C-alpha atoms as a PDB file:
ATOM      1  CA  MET A   1     111.790  93.759 126.640  1.00  0.00           C
ATOM      2  CA  GLN A   2     108.679  93.214 128.761  1.00  0.00           C
ATOM      3  CA  GLU A   3     107.911  96.911 128.355  1.00  0.00           C
ATOM      4  CA  LEU A   4     107.237  96.291 124.638  1.00  0.00           C
ATOM      5  CA  ILE A   5     104.225  94.059 125.295  1.00  0.00           C
ATOM      6  CA  PRO A   6     101.673  96.884 125.865  1.00  0.00           C
ATOM      7  CA  HIS A   7     102.949  98.606 122.705  1.00  0.00           C
ATOM      8  CA  ILE A   8     102.545  95.394 120.700  1.00  0.00           C
ATOM      9  CA  LEU A   9      99.018  94.809 121.970  1.00  0.00           C
ATOM     10  CA  ALA A  10      98.080  98.423 121.181  1.00  0.00           C
ATOM     11  CA  CYS A  11      98.934  98.055 117.458  1.00  0.00           C
ATOM     12  CA  GLN A  12      95.992  98.672 115.139  1.00  0.00           C
ATOM     13  CA  THR A  13      97.712  98.445 111.727  1.00  0.00           C
ATOM     14  CA  LEU A  14     100.303  96.244 110.060  1.00  0.00           C
ATOM     15  CA  GLY A  15     102.519  99.312 109.719  1.00  0.00           C
ATOM     16  CA  GLN A  16     102.646  99.570 113.494  1.00  0.00           C
ATOM     17  CA  VAL A  17     103.458  95.856 113.759  1.00  0.00           C
ATOM     18  CA  GLU A  18     106.232  96.344 111.197  1.00  0.00           C
ATOM     19  CA  ARG A  19     107.821  99.059 113.336  1.00  0.00           C
ATOM     20  CA  ILE A  20     107.703  96.713 116.333  1.00  0.00           C
ATOM     21  CA  VAL A  21     109.303  93.859 114.376  1.00  0.00           C
ATOM     22  CA  THR A  22     112.103  95.908 112.827  1.00  0.00           C
ATOM     23  CA  GLY A  23     112.672  97.696 116.124  1.00  0.00           C
ATOM     24  CA  LEU A  24     112.987  94.318 117.841  1.00  0.00           C
ATOM     25  CA  GLY A  25     115.758  93.373 115.428  1.00  0.00           C
ATOM     26  CA  ASP A  26     117.607  96.582 116.235  1.00  0.00           C
ATOM     27  CA  ARG A  27     117.243  96.041 119.977  1.00  0.00           C
ATOM     28  CA  LEU A  28     118.598  92.506 119.729  1.00  0.00           C
ATOM     29  CA  GLY A  29     121.525  93.493 117.508  1.00  0.00           C
ATOM     30  CA  PHE A  30     120.319  92.122 114.163  1.00  0.00           C
ATOM     31  CA  GLU A  31     120.288  94.294 111.070  1.00  0.00           C
ATOM     32  CA  ASN A  32     117.260  92.620 109.513  1.00  0.00           C
ATOM     33  CA  ALA A  33     113.973  91.295 110.881  1.00  0.00           C
ATOM     34  CA  LEU A  34     110.968  89.599 109.295  1.00  0.00           C
ATOM     35  CA  TYR A  35     107.526  88.457 110.341  1.00  0.00           C
ATOM     36  CA  GLY A  36     105.672  86.293 107.859  1.00  0.00           C
ATOM     37  CA  VAL A  37     102.461  84.310 108.099  1.00  0.00           C
ATOM     38  CA  ARG A  38     100.496  82.010 105.822  1.00  0.00           C
ATOM     39  CA  MET A  39      96.822  82.401 106.685  1.00  0.00           C
ATOM     40  CA  PRO A  40      94.273  80.024 105.102  1.00  0.00           C
ATOM     41  CA  ASN A  41      91.231  81.799 103.680  1.00  0.00           C
ATOM     42  CA  SER A  42      89.651  78.461 102.760  1.00  0.00           C
ATOM     43  CA  PHE A  43      90.593  74.790 102.969  1.00  0.00           C
ATOM     44  CA  VAL A  44      92.307  75.025  99.561  1.00  0.00           C
ATOM     45  CA  GLU A  45      93.746  78.560  99.501  1.00  0.00           C
ATOM     46  CA  ALA A  46      95.845  80.785 101.731  1.00  0.00           C
ATOM     47  CA  VAL A  47      97.044  84.376 101.912  1.00  0.00           C
ATOM     48  CA  THR A  48     100.715  85.042 102.659  1.00  0.00           C
ATOM     49  CA  ILE A  49     101.650  88.252 104.460  1.00  0.00           C
ATOM     50  CA  ARG A  50     105.228  89.419 105.047  1.00  0.00           C
ATOM     51  CA  ILE A  51     106.585  92.489 106.809  1.00  0.00           C
ATOM     52  CA  ASP A  52     110.332  93.039 106.989  1.00  0.00           C
ATOM     53  CA  ASN A  53     113.299  95.333 106.481  1.00  0.00           C
ATOM     54  CA  PHE A  54     115.404  92.893 104.463  1.00  0.00           C
ATOM     55  CA  PRO A  55     116.975  94.347 101.279  1.00  0.00           C
ATOM     56  CA  PRO A  56     114.103  94.640  98.761  1.00  0.00           C
ATOM     57  CA  GLU A  57     116.365  93.368  95.984  1.00  0.00           C
ATOM     58  CA  TRP A  58     117.046  90.201  97.972  1.00  0.00           C
ATOM     59  CA  MET A  59     113.384  89.606  98.780  1.00  0.00           C
ATOM     60  CA  ALA A  60     112.491  90.028  95.101  1.00  0.00           C
ATOM     61  CA  ARG A  61     115.220  87.549  94.168  1.00  0.00           C
ATOM     62  CA  TYR A  62     114.056  85.148  96.904  1.00  0.00           C
ATOM     63  CA  GLU A  63     110.499  85.185  95.503  1.00  0.00           C
ATOM     64  CA  GLU A  64     111.662  84.982  91.891  1.00  0.00           C
ATOM     65  CA  ARG A  65     113.736  81.865  92.587  1.00  0.00           C
ATOM     66  CA  ALA A  66     111.047  80.430  94.918  1.00  0.00           C
ATOM     67  CA  TYR A  67     113.707  79.841  97.553  1.00  0.00           C
ATOM     68  CA  TYR A  68     110.984  79.365 100.158  1.00  0.00           C
ATOM     69  CA  ARG A  69     110.502  75.897  98.686  1.00  0.00           C
ATOM     70  CA  VAL A  70     114.007  74.809  99.734  1.00  0.00           C
ATOM     71  CA  ASP A  71     114.823  77.206 102.590  1.00  0.00           C
ATOM     72  CA  PRO A  72     115.653  75.042 105.651  1.00  0.00           C
ATOM     73  CA  VAL A  73     114.756  77.938 107.965  1.00  0.00           C
ATOM     74  CA  VAL A  74     111.233  78.146 106.540  1.00  0.00           C
ATOM     75  CA  ALA A  75     110.905  74.357 106.687  1.00  0.00           C
ATOM     76  CA  HIS A  76     111.924  74.288 110.346  1.00  0.00           C
ATOM     77  CA  CYS A  77     109.524  77.078 111.344  1.00  0.00           C
ATOM     78  CA  ALA A  78     106.657  75.367 109.506  1.00  0.00           C
ATOM     79  CA  ARG A  79     106.946  72.254 111.666  1.00  0.00           C
ATOM     80  CA  SER A  80     108.434  73.405 114.966  1.00  0.00           C
ATOM     81  CA  LEU A  81     108.054  76.128 117.603  1.00  0.00           C
ATOM     82  CA  ILE A  82     111.629  75.619 118.834  1.00  0.00           C
ATOM     83  CA  PRO A  83     114.007  78.533 118.067  1.00  0.00           C
ATOM     84  CA  LEU A  84     116.544  77.877 115.320  1.00  0.00           C
ATOM     85  CA  ARG A  85     120.004  79.383 115.137  1.00  0.00           C
ATOM     86  CA  TRP A  86     120.770  79.362 111.451  1.00  0.00           C
ATOM     87  CA  GLY A  87     123.700  79.940 109.134  1.00  0.00           C
ATOM     88  CA  ARG A  88     125.628  78.379 106.277  1.00  0.00           C
ATOM     89  CA  PHE A  89     126.148  75.196 108.306  1.00  0.00           C
ATOM     90  CA  LEU A  90     122.492  74.306 107.543  1.00  0.00           C
ATOM     91  CA  ALA A  91     123.420  73.870 103.881  1.00  0.00           C
ATOM     92  CA  ALA A  92     126.169  71.324 104.602  1.00  0.00           C
ATOM     93  CA  ALA A  93     124.084  68.215 103.936  1.00  0.00           C
ATOM     94  CA  CYS A  94     121.460  69.796 101.673  1.00  0.00           C
ATOM     95  CA  GLU A  95     120.766  69.823  97.958  1.00  0.00           C
ATOM     96  CA  PRO A  96     122.676  72.263  95.712  1.00  0.00           C
ATOM     97  CA  ALA A  97     119.715  74.670  95.601  1.00  0.00           C
ATOM     98  CA  VAL A  98     120.116  75.305  99.345  1.00  0.00           C
ATOM     99  CA  VAL A  99     123.834  76.041  98.906  1.00  0.00           C
ATOM    100  CA  THR A 100     122.923  78.487  96.146  1.00  0.00           C
ATOM    101  CA  LEU A 101     120.346  80.096  98.458  1.00  0.00           C
ATOM    102  CA  PHE A 102     122.967  80.786 101.137  1.00  0.00           C
ATOM    103  CA  ASP A 103     125.516  81.946  98.551  1.00  0.00           C
ATOM    104  CA  GLU A 104     123.070  84.475  97.152  1.00  0.00           C
ATOM    105  CA  ALA A 105     121.914  85.591 100.606  1.00  0.00           C
ATOM    106  CA  GLU A 106     125.522  86.331 101.567  1.00  0.00           C
ATOM    107  CA  SER A 107     125.902  88.528  98.493  1.00  0.00           C
ATOM    108  CA  TYR A 108     123.121  90.704  99.975  1.00  0.00           C
ATOM    109  CA  GLY A 109     124.725  90.816 103.425  1.00  0.00           C
ATOM    110  CA  ILE A 110     122.643  88.047 105.028  1.00  0.00           C
ATOM    111  CA  ARG A 111     124.727  85.293 106.612  1.00  0.00           C
ATOM    112  CA  ALA A 112     123.251  84.025 109.894  1.00  0.00           C
ATOM    113  CA  GLY A 113     120.563  84.621 112.456  1.00  0.00           C
ATOM    114  CA  LEU A 114     117.779  83.339 114.677  1.00  0.00           C
ATOM    115  CA  ALA A 115     114.290  82.188 113.651  1.00  0.00           C
ATOM    116  CA  LEU A 116     111.183  81.093 115.503  1.00  0.00           C
ATOM    117  CA  GLY A 117     107.984  79.490 114.230  1.00  0.00           C
ATOM    118  CA  VAL A 118     104.702  80.969 115.460  1.00  0.00           C
ATOM    119  CA  GLY A 119     101.053  80.005 115.092  1.00  0.00           C
ATOM    120  CA  GLY A 120      99.207  76.746 115.360  1.00  0.00           C
ATOM    121  CA  SER A 121      95.910  78.365 116.381  1.00  0.00           C
ATOM    122  CA  PRO A 122      92.506  76.851 115.437  1.00  0.00           C
ATOM    123  CA  THR A 123      92.499  78.975 112.276  1.00  0.00           C
ATOM    124  CA  GLY A 124      95.452  76.965 110.943  1.00  0.00           C
ATOM    125  CA  GLU A 125      97.861  79.758 110.140  1.00  0.00           C
ATOM    126  CA  ARG A 126     101.589  79.250 110.621  1.00  0.00           C
ATOM    127  CA  GLY A 127     104.236  81.912 110.544  1.00  0.00           C
ATOM    128  CA  MET A 128     107.736  82.833 111.569  1.00  0.00           C
ATOM    129  CA  ILE A 129     109.880  85.607 112.926  1.00  0.00           C
ATOM    130  CA  CYS A 130     113.379  85.708 111.488  1.00  0.00           C
ATOM    131  CA  LEU A 131     116.310  87.870 112.609  1.00  0.00           C
ATOM    132  CA  ALA A 132     119.371  88.131 110.367  1.00  0.00           C
ATOM    133  CA  THR A 133     122.846  89.631 110.361  1.00  0.00           C
ATOM    134  CA  GLY A 134     125.794  89.968 108.013  1.00  0.00           C
ATOM    135  CA  ARG A 135     128.126  88.523 110.627  1.00  0.00           C
ATOM    136  CA  PRO A 136     129.118  84.852 110.305  1.00  0.00           C
ATOM    137  CA  ASP A 137     127.409  82.251 112.445  1.00  0.00           C
ATOM    138  CA  GLU A 138     130.483  81.594 114.580  1.00  0.00           C
ATOM    139  CA  ALA A 139     130.513  85.247 115.633  1.00  0.00           C
ATOM    140  CA  ILE A 140     126.939  85.504 116.957  1.00  0.00           C
ATOM    141  CA  GLY A 141     126.712  82.763 119.578  1.00  0.00           C
ATOM    142  CA  GLU A 142     126.440  85.082 122.585  1.00  0.00           C
ATOM    143  CA  GLN A 143     124.088  87.402 120.706  1.00  0.00           C
ATOM    144  CA  VAL A 144     121.747  84.490 119.912  1.00  0.00           C
ATOM    145  CA  ARG A 145     121.813  83.291 123.526  1.00  0.00           C
ATOM    146  CA  ARG A 146     120.739  86.750 124.708  1.00  0.00           C
ATOM    147  CA  ALA A 147     118.117  87.184 121.989  1.00  0.00           C
ATOM    148  CA  GLU A 148     116.441  83.783 122.223  1.00  0.00           C
ATOM    149  CA  PRO A 149     114.505  84.238 125.495  1.00  0.00           C
ATOM    150  CA  GLN A 150     113.419  87.737 124.412  1.00  0.00           C
ATOM    151  CA  LEU A 151     112.128  86.418 121.103  1.00  0.00           C
ATOM    152  CA  LEU A 152     110.295  83.548 122.815  1.00  0.00           C
ATOM    153  CA  THR A 153     108.580  86.048 125.118  1.00  0.00           C
ATOM    154  CA  LEU A 154     107.526  88.581 122.502  1.00  0.00           C
ATOM    155  CA  ALA A 155     106.775  86.402 119.447  1.00  0.00           C
ATOM    156  CA  PRO A 156     103.321  85.191 120.615  1.00  0.00           C
ATOM    157  CA  TYR A 157     102.220  88.784 121.246  1.00  0.00           C
ATOM    158  CA  ILE A 158     103.446  89.892 117.805  1.00  0.00           C
ATOM    159  CA  HIS A 159     101.717  86.985 116.078  1.00  0.00           C
ATOM    160  CA  GLU A 160      98.395  87.311 117.908  1.00  0.00           C
ATOM    161  CA  THR A 161      98.339  91.065 117.275  1.00  0.00           C
ATOM    162  CA  ALA A 162      99.020  90.592 113.561  1.00  0.00           C
ATOM    163  CA  ARG A 163      96.378  87.869 113.453  1.00  0.00           C
ATOM    164  CA  ARG A 164      93.808  90.178 115.088  1.00  0.00           C
ATOM    165  CA  ILE A 165      94.511  92.822 112.440  1.00  0.00           C
ATOM    166  CA  LEU A 166      94.617  90.435 109.490  1.00  0.00           C
ATOM    167  CA  LEU A 167      91.575  88.230 110.105  1.00  0.00           C
ATOM    168  CA  PRO A 168      88.960  90.938 109.348  1.00  0.00           C
ATOM    169  CA  GLN A 169      90.925  91.865 106.207  1.00  0.00           C
ATOM    170  CA  VAL A 170      91.297  88.314 104.897  1.00  0.00           C
ATOM    171  CA  PHE A 171      87.657  87.513 105.727  1.00  0.00           C
ATOM    172  CA  SER A 172      86.150  90.917 105.021  1.00  0.00           C
ATOM    173  CA  GLU A 173      82.780  89.384 104.051  1.00  0.00           C
ATOM    174  CA  VAL A 174      82.372  87.497 107.334  1.00  0.00           C
ATOM    175  CA  ASP A 175      80.435  88.644 110.388  1.00  0.00           C
ATOM    176  CA  PHE A 176      82.248  86.970 113.296  1.00  0.00           C
ATOM    177  CA  ASN A 177      79.439  87.702 115.759  1.00  0.00           C
ATOM    178  CA  LEU A 178      77.444  84.485 115.631  1.00  0.00           C
ATOM    179  CA  THR A 179      74.978  84.030 118.456  1.00  0.00           C
ATOM    180  CA  SER A 180      75.402  81.126 120.847  1.00  0.00           C
ATOM    181  CA  ARG A 181      72.341  79.441 119.292  1.00  0.00           C
ATOM    182  CA  GLU A 182      73.756  79.830 115.758  1.00  0.00           C
ATOM    183  CA  ARG A 183      77.045  78.289 116.879  1.00  0.00           C
ATOM    184  CA  GLU A 184      75.197  75.478 118.633  1.00  0.00           C
ATOM    185  CA  CYS A 185      73.185  74.689 115.511  1.00  0.00           C
ATOM    186  CA  LEU A 186      76.372  74.561 113.423  1.00  0.00           C
ATOM    187  CA  LEU A 187      77.990  72.313 115.996  1.00  0.00           C
ATOM    188  CA  TRP A 188      75.217  69.735 115.612  1.00  0.00           C
ATOM    189  CA  VAL A 189      75.296  70.072 111.809  1.00  0.00           C
ATOM    190  CA  ALA A 190      78.987  69.175 112.075  1.00  0.00           C
ATOM    191  CA  GLU A 191      77.811  66.031 113.889  1.00  0.00           C
ATOM    192  CA  GLY A 192      75.594  65.146 110.936  1.00  0.00           C
ATOM    193  CA  LYS A 193      72.244  66.220 112.411  1.00  0.00           C
ATOM    194  CA  THR A 194      69.299  67.215 110.218  1.00  0.00           C
ATOM    195  CA  SER A 195      67.048  70.216 110.868  1.00  0.00           C
ATOM    196  CA  SER A 196      64.427  68.028 112.513  1.00  0.00           C
ATOM    197  CA  GLU A 197      67.038  66.362 114.719  1.00  0.00           C
ATOM    198  CA  LEU A 198      68.393  69.794 115.638  1.00  0.00           C
ATOM    199  CA  ALA A 199      64.938  70.914 116.677  1.00  0.00           C
ATOM    200  CA  GLU A 200      64.520  67.889 118.917  1.00  0.00           C
ATOM    201  CA  LEU A 201      67.975  68.220 120.484  1.00  0.00           C
ATOM    202  CA  LEU A 202      67.568  71.942 121.233  1.00  0.00           C
ATOM    203  CA  ASN A 203      63.876  71.803 122.105  1.00  0.00           C
ATOM    204  CA  ILE A 204      62.940  74.315 119.406  1.00  0.00           C
ATOM    205  CA  SER A 205      60.791  74.083 116.283  1.00  0.00           C
ATOM    206  CA  GLU A 206      62.296  72.935 113.002  1.00  0.00           C
ATOM    207  CA  VAL A 207      61.438  76.318 111.488  1.00  0.00           C
ATOM    208  CA  THR A 208      63.453  78.022 114.237  1.00  0.00           C
ATOM    209  CA  ALA A 209      66.394  75.667 113.705  1.00  0.00           C
ATOM    210  CA  ILE A 210      66.400  76.468 109.981  1.00  0.00           C
ATOM    211  CA  PHE A 211      66.161  80.184 110.810  1.00  0.00           C
ATOM    212  CA  HIS A 212      69.303  80.045 112.988  1.00  0.00           C
ATOM    213  CA  LEU A 213      71.193  78.066 110.364  1.00  0.00           C
ATOM    214  CA  LYS A 214      70.262  80.499 107.593  1.00  0.00           C
ATOM    215  CA  ASN A 215      71.508  83.376 109.734  1.00  0.00           C
ATOM    216  CA  ALA A 216      74.782  81.535 110.365  1.00  0.00           C
ATOM    217  CA  LEU A 217      75.262  80.893 106.642  1.00  0.00           C
ATOM    218  CA  THR A 218      74.638  84.549 105.840  1.00  0.00           C
ATOM    219  CA  LYS A 219      77.084  85.783 108.486  1.00  0.00           C
ATOM    220  CA  LEU A 220      79.777  83.368 107.328  1.00  0.00           C
ATOM    221  CA  GLY A 221      79.278  84.098 103.635  1.00  0.00           C
ATOM    222  CA  ALA A 222      78.650  80.393 103.037  1.00  0.00           C
ATOM    223  CA  ARG A 223      76.595  78.781 100.290  1.00  0.00           C
ATOM    224  CA  SER A 224      75.856  75.543 102.119  1.00  0.00           C
ATOM    225  CA  ARG A 225      75.761  74.097 105.613  1.00  0.00           C
ATOM    226  CA  ALA A 226      78.945  72.136 104.911  1.00  0.00           C
ATOM    227  CA  GLN A 227      80.791  75.284 103.865  1.00  0.00           C
ATOM    228  CA  ALA A 228      79.454  77.149 106.895  1.00  0.00           C
ATOM    229  CA  VAL A 229      80.793  74.488 109.260  1.00  0.00           C
ATOM    230  CA  ALA A 230      84.148  74.403 107.453  1.00  0.00           C
ATOM    231  CA  ARG A 231      84.508  78.183 107.542  1.00  0.00           C
ATOM    232  CA  ALA A 232      83.464  78.388 111.202  1.00  0.00           C
ATOM    233  CA  VAL A 233      86.132  75.823 112.105  1.00  0.00           C
ATOM    234  CA  LEU A 234      88.726  77.587 109.959  1.00  0.00           C
ATOM    235  CA  LEU A 235      88.016  80.880 111.739  1.00  0.00           C
ATOM    236  CA  GLY A 236      88.029  79.408 115.217  1.00  0.00           C
ATOM    237  CA  ILE A 237      84.351  80.293 115.691  1.00  0.00           C
ATOM    238  CA  LEU A 238      83.534  76.613 116.069  1.00  0.00           C
ATOM    239  CA  GLU A 239      85.872  74.290 117.937  1.00  0.00           C
ATOM    240  CA  PRO A 240      85.695  70.575 118.782  1.00  0.00           C
ATOM    241  CA  GLY A 241      84.212  70.071 122.224  1.00  0.00           C
ATOM    242  CA  TRP A 242      82.799  73.627 122.203  1.00  0.00           C
ATOM    243  CA  ARG A 243      79.681  72.635 124.168  1.00  0.00           C
END
Protein backbone atom coordinates (compact mmCIF):
# COMPACT_ATOMS: atom_id res chain seq x y z
CA MET A 1 0.00 0.00 0.00
CA GLN A 2 2.96 2.34 0.45
CA GLU A 3 3.07 2.73 -3.32
CA LEU A 4 -0.27 4.59 -3.16
CA ILE A 5 1.17 7.51 -1.18
CA PRO A 6 2.71 9.38 -4.16
CA HIS A 7 -0.57 8.94 -6.07
CA ILE A 8 -2.55 10.35 -3.14
CA LEU A 9 -0.26 13.35 -2.77
CA ALA A 10 -0.46 14.03 -6.52
CA CYS A 11 -4.28 14.42 -6.46
CA GLN A 12 -5.49 17.83 -7.60
CA THR A 13 -9.28 17.30 -7.56
CA LEU A 14 -11.83 15.65 -5.30
CA GLY A 15 -12.66 13.28 -8.16
CA GLN A 16 -9.11 11.96 -8.01
CA VAL A 17 -9.37 11.58 -4.23
CA GLU A 18 -12.65 9.70 -4.70
CA ARG A 19 -10.95 7.20 -7.01
CA ILE A 20 -8.24 6.67 -4.39
CA VAL A 21 -10.79 6.13 -1.61
CA THR A 22 -13.01 3.71 -3.53
CA GLY A 23 -9.96 1.93 -4.90
CA LEU A 24 -8.66 1.53 -1.35
CA GLY A 25 -11.89 -0.22 -0.39
CA ASP A 26 -11.50 -2.62 -3.30
CA ARG A 27 -7.89 -3.36 -2.42
CA LEU A 28 -8.79 -4.12 1.19
CA GLY A 29 -11.76 -6.31 0.27
CA PHE A 30 -14.63 -3.97 1.16
CA GLU A 31 -17.40 -3.25 -1.31
CA ASN A 32 -18.01 0.29 -0.11
CA ALA A 33 -15.76 3.13 1.02
CA LEU A 34 -16.41 6.67 2.24
CA TYR A 35 -14.40 9.73 3.14
CA GLY A 36 -16.30 12.52 4.84
CA VAL A 37 -15.18 15.72 6.52
CA ARG A 38 -16.86 18.57 8.36
CA MET A 39 -14.84 21.71 7.71
CA PRO A 40 -15.68 24.91 9.65
CA ASN A 41 -15.94 27.99 7.44
CA SER A 42 -16.53 30.18 10.50
CA PHE A 43 -16.88 29.69 14.25
CA VAL A 44 -20.63 29.10 13.83
CA GLU A 45 -20.91 27.32 10.46
CA ALA A 46 -19.32 24.37 8.70
CA VAL A 47 -19.29 22.74 5.28
CA THR A 48 -19.71 18.96 5.06
CA ILE A 49 -18.09 17.12 2.16
CA ARG A 50 -18.60 13.42 1.41
CA ILE A 51 -17.17 11.21 -1.31
CA ASP A 52 -18.16 7.55 -1.47
CA ASN A 53 -19.43 4.62 -3.50
CA PHE A 54 -22.17 3.57 -1.09
CA PRO A 55 -25.59 2.89 -2.70
CA PRO A 56 -27.03 6.34 -3.54
CA GLU A 57 -30.46 5.23 -2.34
CA TRP A 58 -29.02 4.37 1.06
CA MET A 59 -27.12 7.65 1.38
CA ALA A 60 -30.28 9.58 0.49
CA ARG A 61 -32.21 7.60 3.12
CA TYR A 62 -29.41 8.16 5.66
CA GLU A 63 -29.59 11.94 5.13
CA GLU A 64 -33.39 11.99 5.07
CA ARG A 65 -33.61 10.21 8.43
CA ALA A 66 -30.64 12.20 9.83
CA TYR A 67 -29.04 8.95 10.95
CA TYR A 68 -25.74 10.77 11.42
CA ARG A 69 -27.21 12.12 14.65
CA VAL A 70 -27.42 8.63 16.18
CA ASP A 71 -24.82 6.67 14.19
CA PRO A 72 -22.33 5.21 16.73
CA VAL A 73 -19.66 4.98 14.01
CA VAL A 74 -19.87 8.71 13.31
CA ALA A 75 -19.88 9.45 17.05
CA HIS A 76 -16.76 7.37 17.60
CA CYS A 77 -14.86 8.97 14.70
CA ALA A 78 -15.79 12.45 15.92
CA ARG A 79 -14.05 11.91 19.26
CA SER A 80 -11.33 9.34 18.61
CA LEU A 81 -8.54 8.54 16.15
CA ILE A 82 -8.55 4.85 17.13
CA PRO A 83 -9.84 2.48 14.40
CA LEU A 84 -13.29 1.02 15.01
CA ARG A 85 -14.47 -2.37 13.84
CA TRP A 86 -18.20 -1.95 13.55
CA GLY A 87 -21.28 -4.07 13.03
CA ARG A 88 -24.71 -4.80 14.47
CA PHE A 89 -23.17 -5.52 17.88
CA LEU A 90 -22.78 -1.73 18.32
CA ALA A 91 -26.57 -1.41 18.46
CA ALA A 92 -26.94 -3.91 21.33
CA ALA A 93 -27.11 -1.35 24.13
CA CYS A 94 -28.30 1.63 22.08
CA GLU A 95 -31.59 3.43 21.60
CA PRO A 96 -34.16 2.02 19.14
CA ALA A 97 -33.16 4.54 16.45
CA VAL A 98 -29.70 2.92 16.25
CA VAL A 99 -31.26 -0.54 15.84
CA THR A 100 -33.41 0.87 13.04
CA LEU A 101 -30.29 2.38 11.44
CA PHE A 102 -28.55 -1.01 11.29
CA ASP A 103 -31.73 -2.75 10.12
CA GLU A 104 -32.10 -0.33 7.24
CA ALA A 105 -28.39 -0.45 6.38
CA GLU A 106 -28.59 -4.24 6.10
CA SER A 107 -31.47 -3.93 3.64
CA TYR A 108 -29.03 -2.04 1.37
CA GLY A 109 -26.27 -4.63 1.77
CA ILE A 110 -24.28 -2.82 4.47
CA ARG A 111 -23.63 -4.93 7.57
CA ALA A 112 -20.15 -4.39 9.02
CA GLY A 113 -16.83 -2.73 8.43
CA LEU A 114 -13.92 -0.63 9.66
CA ALA A 115 -13.86 3.12 10.35
CA LEU A 116 -11.19 5.61 11.32
CA GLY A 117 -11.47 9.22 12.46
CA VAL A 118 -9.16 11.75 10.81
CA GLY A 119 -8.41 15.42 11.37
CA GLY A 120 -7.79 17.49 14.44
CA SER A 121 -5.66 20.08 12.62
CA PRO A 122 -5.57 23.77 13.69
CA THR A 123 -8.41 24.49 11.26
CA GLY A 124 -10.75 22.37 13.40
CA GLU A 125 -12.09 20.00 10.78
CA ARG A 126 -12.86 16.40 11.70
CA GLY A 127 -13.60 13.59 9.32
CA MET A 128 -13.69 9.86 8.86
CA ILE A 129 -12.90 7.07 6.46
CA CYS A 130 -15.37 4.21 6.55
CA LEU A 131 -15.10 0.83 4.82
CA ALA A 132 -18.18 -1.40 4.63
CA THR A 133 -19.20 -4.86 3.48
CA GLY A 134 -22.34 -6.95 3.19
CA ARG A 135 -20.71 -9.78 5.12
CA PRO A 136 -21.58 -10.15 8.82
CA ASP A 137 -19.18 -8.88 11.45
CA GLU A 138 -18.19 -12.35 12.62
CA ALA A 139 -16.96 -13.17 9.12
CA ILE A 140 -14.55 -10.24 8.65
CA GLY A 141 -12.19 -10.50 11.61
CA GLU A 142 -9.10 -11.46 9.60
CA GLN A 143 -9.97 -8.95 6.88
CA VAL A 144 -10.17 -6.14 9.45
CA ARG A 145 -6.85 -7.17 11.02
CA ARG A 146 -5.16 -6.96 7.61
CA ALA A 147 -6.86 -3.70 6.64
CA GLU A 148 -6.33 -1.76 9.87
CA PRO A 149 -2.59 -1.01 9.57
CA GLN A 150 -3.03 -0.09 5.89
CA LEU A 151 -5.84 2.32 6.73
CA LEU A 152 -3.83 3.88 9.56
CA THR A 153 -0.93 4.47 7.16
CA LEU A 154 -2.90 5.95 4.28
CA ALA A 155 -5.69 7.88 6.04
CA PRO A 156 -3.57 10.92 7.03
CA TYR A 157 -2.37 11.32 3.43
CA ILE A 158 -5.94 11.09 2.09
CA HIS A 159 -7.22 13.62 4.62
CA GLU A 160 -4.41 16.14 4.16
CA THR A 161 -4.73 15.92 0.38
CA ALA A 162 -8.49 16.48 0.53
CA ARG A 163 -7.94 19.35 2.95
CA ARG A 164 -5.41 20.98 0.59
CA ILE A 165 -7.96 20.80 -2.24
CA LEU A 166 -10.95 21.91 -0.17
CA LEU A 167 -9.54 24.87 1.78
CA PRO A 168 -9.24 27.23 -1.24
CA GLN A 169 -12.77 26.23 -2.29
CA VAL A 170 -14.37 26.73 1.13
CA PHE A 171 -12.47 30.01 1.65
CA SER A 172 -12.43 31.22 -1.94
CA GLU A 173 -12.37 34.89 -0.85
CA VAL A 174 -9.27 34.49 1.32
CA ASP A 175 -5.68 35.23 0.31
CA PHE A 176 -3.63 32.83 2.44
CA ASN A 177 -0.35 34.62 1.70
CA LEU A 178 -0.05 36.95 4.68
CA THR A 179 3.37 38.45 5.18
CA SER A 180 5.30 37.68 8.34
CA ARG A 181 4.70 41.25 9.55
CA GLU A 182 0.93 40.97 8.94
CA ARG A 183 0.84 37.71 10.90
CA GLU A 184 2.89 39.27 13.68
CA CYS A 185 0.53 42.23 13.94
CA LEU A 186 -2.47 39.89 14.16
CA LEU A 187 -0.70 37.85 16.81
CA TRP A 188 -0.35 40.90 19.05
CA VAL A 189 -3.95 41.97 18.33
CA ALA A 190 -4.94 38.52 19.61
CA GLU A 191 -3.06 39.46 22.80
CA GLY A 192 -5.20 42.57 23.15
CA LYS A 193 -2.67 45.14 21.91
CA THR A 194 -3.73 48.47 20.41
CA SER A 195 -2.19 50.01 17.29
CA SER A 196 0.05 52.25 19.37
CA GLU A 197 1.19 49.31 21.50
CA LEU A 198 1.86 47.32 18.33
CA ALA A 199 4.02 50.11 16.99
CA GLU A 200 6.06 50.19 20.18
CA LEU A 201 6.46 46.41 20.35
CA LEU A 202 7.55 46.09 16.70
CA ASN A 203 9.55 49.32 16.57
CA ILE A 204 7.46 50.72 13.71
CA SER A 205 5.18 53.75 13.41
CA GLU A 206 1.52 53.49 14.35
CA VAL A 207 0.60 54.34 10.76
CA THR A 208 2.66 51.38 9.56
CA ALA A 209 1.06 49.06 12.12
CA ILE A 210 -2.40 50.11 10.94
CA PHE A 211 -1.29 49.61 7.33
CA HIS A 212 -0.25 45.99 8.00
CA LEU A 213 -3.47 45.27 9.87
CA LYS A 214 -5.62 46.70 7.08
CA ASN A 215 -3.81 44.51 4.58
CA ALA A 216 -4.38 41.46 6.79
CA LEU A 217 -8.09 42.24 7.09
CA THR A 218 -8.41 42.61 3.32
CA LYS A 219 -6.60 39.33 2.61
CA LEU A 220 -8.72 37.46 5.15
CA GLY A 221 -12.00 38.98 3.99
CA ALA A 222 -12.62 40.22 7.54
CA ARG A 223 -14.67 43.21 8.65
CA SER A 224 -12.92 43.75 11.97
CA ARG A 225 -9.68 42.94 13.75
CA ALA A 226 -11.50 40.40 15.93
CA GLN A 227 -12.86 38.59 12.89
CA ALA A 228 -9.45 38.68 11.23
CA VAL A 229 -7.82 37.02 14.24
CA ALA A 230 -10.61 34.43 14.46
CA ARG A 231 -10.38 33.58 10.77
CA ALA A 232 -6.57 33.41 10.84
CA VAL A 233 -6.75 30.94 13.73
CA LEU A 234 -9.49 28.94 12.02
CA LEU A 235 -7.35 28.64 8.88
CA GLY A 236 -4.17 27.74 10.69
CA ILE A 237 -2.49 30.94 9.51
CA LEU A 238 -2.12 32.06 13.11
CA GLU A 239 -1.26 29.57 15.83
CA PRO A 240 -0.65 29.94 19.58
CA GLY A 241 3.04 30.34 20.29
CA TRP A 242 3.71 31.23 16.63
CA ARG A 243 6.50 33.68 17.51
